[in-house]
Protein backbone atom coordinates (compact mmCIF):
# COMPACT_ATOMS: atom_id res chain seq x y z
CA UNK A 1 -0.06 0.17 -0.44
CA UNK A 2 3.13 2.55 0.37
CA UNK A 3 2.97 2.92 -3.42
CA UNK A 4 -0.01 4.92 -2.79
CA UNK A 5 1.31 7.32 -0.84
CA UNK A 6 2.11 9.97 -2.91
CA UNK A 7 0.15 12.48 -0.79
CA UNK A 8 1.33 14.71 1.47
CA UNK A 9 1.18 17.75 3.06
CA UNK A 10 4.20 20.75 2.61
CA UNK A 11 4.38 23.31 5.64
CA UNK A 12 6.20 26.36 5.11
CA UNK A 13 7.61 29.17 7.18
CA UNK A 14 8.73 32.18 7.82
CA UNK A 15 11.63 33.48 6.74
CA UNK A 16 14.62 34.32 8.88
CA UNK A 17 17.28 37.38 8.72
CA UNK A 18 20.76 35.42 10.16
CA UNK A 19 23.00 34.39 7.15
CA UNK A 20 25.77 34.38 9.05
CA UNK A 21 23.53 31.52 11.35
CA UNK A 22 23.23 29.92 7.80
CA UNK A 23 26.59 28.51 7.65
CA UNK A 24 26.65 26.44 10.91
CA UNK A 25 26.22 23.10 9.58
CA UNK A 26 23.35 20.33 10.48
CA UNK A 27 23.34 16.96 9.76
CA UNK A 28 20.10 15.15 10.89
CA UNK A 29 19.61 11.49 12.05
CA UNK A 30 16.23 9.30 11.01
CA UNK A 31 13.63 11.61 13.41
CA UNK A 32 12.01 7.73 14.07
CA UNK A 33 12.71 6.61 17.26
CA UNK A 34 12.28 2.55 15.96
CA UNK A 35 13.13 1.95 12.29
CA UNK A 36 12.71 -1.26 12.83
CA UNK A 37 9.33 -0.48 12.67
CA UNK A 38 9.26 1.49 9.37
CA UNK A 39 9.11 0.64 6.24
CA UNK A 40 12.64 0.52 4.50
CA UNK A 41 11.63 2.67 1.61
CA UNK A 42 11.69 6.52 1.00
CA UNK A 43 9.04 8.35 -1.45
CA UNK A 44 11.00 11.32 -1.82
CA UNK A 45 11.10 14.89 -3.55
CA UNK A 46 10.43 15.16 -6.69
CA UNK A 47 13.40 17.14 -8.81
CA UNK A 48 11.35 17.77 -11.65
CA UNK A 49 10.38 21.86 -11.83
CA UNK A 50 7.44 21.23 -14.25
CA UNK A 51 3.78 19.69 -13.10
CA UNK A 52 2.20 16.61 -15.00
CA UNK A 53 -1.07 15.33 -15.30
CA UNK A 54 0.22 11.90 -13.64
CA UNK A 55 1.88 11.63 -10.62
CA UNK A 56 3.90 8.32 -11.32
CA UNK A 57 6.19 11.43 -13.65
CA UNK A 58 8.81 12.60 -11.45
CA UNK A 59 12.38 12.98 -10.16
CA UNK A 60 13.83 11.42 -7.47
CA UNK A 61 17.48 12.49 -6.20
CA UNK A 62 19.44 10.06 -8.01
CA UNK A 63 17.10 10.53 -11.18
CA UNK A 64 14.50 7.13 -10.09
CA UNK A 65 11.00 7.98 -10.66
CA UNK A 66 7.82 6.82 -9.06
CA UNK A 67 7.70 5.21 -6.59
CA UNK A 68 10.61 6.84 -4.97
CA UNK A 69 8.75 9.99 -5.51
CA UNK A 70 5.59 11.74 -6.52
CA UNK A 71 4.96 14.83 -9.26
CA UNK A 72 5.53 17.74 -7.28
CA UNK A 73 6.31 16.10 -3.70
CA UNK A 74 8.45 18.30 -1.52
CA UNK A 75 9.64 15.95 1.39
CA UNK A 76 10.56 12.13 2.31
CA UNK A 77 7.96 10.47 3.10
CA UNK A 78 8.41 7.67 5.39
CA UNK A 79 5.65 4.65 6.39
CA UNK A 80 4.73 3.06 9.19
CA UNK A 81 5.06 -0.96 8.73
CA UNK A 82 1.64 -2.82 9.57
CA UNK A 83 -0.37 0.63 8.39
CA UNK A 84 -3.49 1.84 11.00
CA UNK A 85 -2.62 -1.64 12.97
CA UNK A 86 0.79 -0.50 14.27
CA UNK A 87 -0.42 3.11 14.84
CA UNK A 88 -3.71 1.43 17.15
CA UNK A 89 -1.40 -0.42 18.59
CA UNK A 90 0.85 1.92 20.13
CA UNK A 91 2.50 3.37 16.74
CA UNK A 92 6.33 4.65 16.12
CA UNK A 93 8.20 7.67 18.11
CA UNK A 94 8.46 10.63 15.80
CA UNK A 95 11.82 12.04 17.46
CA UNK A 96 13.63 15.54 16.48
CA UNK A 97 16.54 15.15 13.74
CA UNK A 98 18.61 17.52 14.85
CA UNK A 99 18.44 19.58 18.14
CA UNK A 100 16.38 23.46 17.95
CA UNK A 101 13.22 25.24 18.79
CA UNK A 102 9.69 24.23 18.45
CA UNK A 103 9.04 26.68 16.44
CA UNK A 104 4.97 25.73 15.55
CA UNK A 105 2.93 23.05 16.53
CA UNK A 106 -0.85 21.68 15.28
CA UNK A 107 -2.71 19.06 17.18
CA UNK A 108 -6.13 17.65 17.47
CA UNK A 109 -7.00 17.03 13.44
CA UNK A 110 -8.80 13.94 12.70
CA UNK A 111 -6.69 10.85 12.05
CA UNK A 112 -7.82 8.12 9.77
CA UNK A 113 -7.44 9.58 6.78
CA UNK A 114 -6.64 6.98 4.02
CA UNK A 115 -6.95 6.51 0.36
CA UNK A 116 -10.33 5.61 -1.57
CA UNK A 117 -10.25 3.51 -4.14
CA UNK A 118 -12.14 5.09 -5.83
CA UNK A 119 -10.74 8.13 -7.02
CA UNK A 120 -7.67 7.54 -5.88
CA UNK A 121 -6.96 10.43 -3.80
CA UNK A 122 -7.28 11.01 0.32
CA UNK A 123 -10.34 10.61 2.14
CA UNK A 124 -10.51 11.68 5.82
CA UNK A 125 -14.17 9.90 5.79
CA UNK A 126 -15.51 13.88 6.00
CA UNK A 127 -13.26 15.46 8.92
CA UNK A 128 -11.47 18.88 7.90
CA UNK A 129 -8.29 17.74 5.91
CA UNK A 130 -5.51 19.37 8.17
CA UNK A 131 -2.28 17.31 9.72
CA UNK A 132 -1.47 17.12 12.56
CA UNK A 133 2.61 19.03 12.38
CA UNK A 134 5.90 20.01 14.56
CA UNK A 135 8.16 22.47 12.92
CA UNK A 136 11.56 23.27 14.31
CA UNK A 137 14.49 25.90 14.29
CA UNK A 138 17.65 25.11 13.86
CA UNK A 139 20.78 27.15 14.89
CA UNK A 140 21.91 28.93 11.62
CA UNK A 141 17.56 29.13 10.50
CA UNK A 142 17.12 26.09 9.02
CA UNK A 143 13.45 24.31 9.41
CA UNK A 144 12.60 20.77 10.21
CA UNK A 145 9.08 19.79 9.30
CA UNK A 146 7.32 16.86 10.33
CA UNK A 147 3.91 16.04 9.68
CA UNK A 148 0.42 13.67 9.85
CA UNK A 149 1.44 12.90 13.78
CA UNK A 150 -1.48 10.62 15.61
CA UNK A 151 -4.22 13.70 17.17
CA UNK A 152 -3.44 14.00 20.58
CA UNK A 153 0.27 12.39 20.65
CA UNK A 154 2.62 15.34 20.22
CA UNK A 155 4.05 15.96 23.54
CA UNK A 156 6.85 19.48 22.15
CA UNK A 157 5.34 22.89 23.01
CA UNK A 158 5.67 26.09 21.44
CA UNK A 159 9.55 27.51 22.52
CA UNK A 160 10.39 24.21 24.13
CA UNK A 161 14.52 23.52 23.41
CA UNK A 162 14.53 20.14 21.76
CA UNK A 163 18.06 17.92 21.16
CA UNK A 164 18.29 15.60 18.75
CA UNK A 165 16.55 12.09 19.17
CA UNK A 166 13.62 14.30 21.76
CA UNK A 167 10.69 12.68 20.89
CA UNK A 168 7.84 14.84 19.33
CA UNK A 169 4.37 12.66 19.17
CA UNK A 170 3.64 9.43 17.07
CA UNK A 171 3.31 8.82 13.51
CA UNK A 172 -0.66 9.64 12.50
CA UNK A 173 -2.40 9.50 9.43
CA UNK A 174 -3.74 13.21 9.49
CA UNK A 175 -4.31 14.95 6.54
CA UNK A 176 -3.59 14.83 2.62
CA UNK A 177 -2.53 11.36 3.49
CA UNK A 178 -3.35 7.88 2.24
CA UNK A 179 -2.12 5.64 5.28
CA UNK A 180 0.35 6.12 8.63
CA UNK A 181 3.44 7.62 7.90
CA UNK A 182 5.87 10.39 8.64
CA UNK A 183 6.10 13.74 6.03
CA UNK A 184 9.43 14.96 6.76
CA UNK A 185 10.34 17.98 5.25
CA UNK A 186 13.68 20.56 5.36
CA UNK A 187 13.65 24.52 4.26
CA UNK A 188 16.19 27.16 4.23
CA UNK A 189 15.97 30.44 6.58
CA UNK A 190 14.20 31.32 3.24
CA UNK A 191 11.01 28.88 3.08
CA UNK A 192 12.85 27.26 0.15
CA UNK A 193 12.67 23.43 0.30
CA UNK A 194 15.54 21.17 0.39
CA UNK A 195 16.10 17.86 -0.15
CA UNK A 196 18.41 16.27 3.02
CA UNK A 197 19.81 13.22 0.46
CA UNK A 198 22.20 13.58 -1.40
CA UNK A 199 22.15 12.88 -5.79
CA UNK A 200 22.53 13.66 -8.74
CA UNK A 201 19.54 16.22 -8.93
CA UNK A 202 19.71 17.15 -5.61
CA UNK A 203 23.30 18.27 -4.15
CA UNK A 204 26.97 16.51 -3.77
CA UNK A 205 26.41 16.26 0.53
CA UNK A 206 24.05 14.84 2.48
CA UNK A 207 22.21 16.09 5.41
CA UNK A 208 21.45 13.17 7.41
CA UNK A 209 23.94 11.90 8.75
CA UNK A 210 24.36 8.84 7.52
CA UNK A 211 21.63 8.33 4.55
CA UNK A 212 21.71 4.60 4.83
CA UNK A 213 21.99 2.84 0.86
CA UNK A 214 19.18 3.47 -1.59
CA UNK A 215 15.86 1.57 -0.10
CA UNK A 216 16.76 1.36 3.58
CA UNK A 217 16.46 4.07 6.26
CA UNK A 218 19.21 6.83 7.59
CA UNK A 219 21.11 5.73 10.46
CA UNK A 220 19.39 7.18 13.93
CA UNK A 221 23.17 7.93 15.00
CA UNK A 222 24.64 10.81 14.46
CA UNK A 223 26.41 12.52 17.43
CA UNK A 224 25.62 15.85 19.83
CA UNK A 225 22.42 17.48 18.32
């Protein structure tokens, strides 16, 4: 079912103006505490700037196409192994990929949005299609976004400092989502989306401490946050 997870929210952030801070190095750990509970797969950012009629037309960081990306996708999606059954049994813990201050929190929205097989669009059963989400602004001005949390699972507050690995909440399926997963997104201080993965279509240096092998997940160990 993870092949249909090409529908995720794309949050935005305010611009920061401290250009000196931008030069501070930043690396992320995999933002899930229990990587064994996630599908070893990422549906990544689309580097093809043109919109297409078919969602399957896209270009991932290494030149691969669907199902490694989908048209217009601005983040990296990681699927919960076992879907809603796994979510109901406790789900997986989303953690801060790097240290920073919590800039925004939104919670309380319906978290059982799913794929409508008649339209191949997400369906929130009549509920408002908004994602439970958290954003973290890091010392260099960059912002990481974490979206689709399970309802009422977020455990951090705006203004709180969170170190790398600090629990944020649980994986859910709130908002523009077709099954439980984490949407992770990175933005520069001016709101431009950055692919954390290195590759021929993104950038030479990875934003992950270790992005792992293709078809796997980034490392959970990275040193100090």
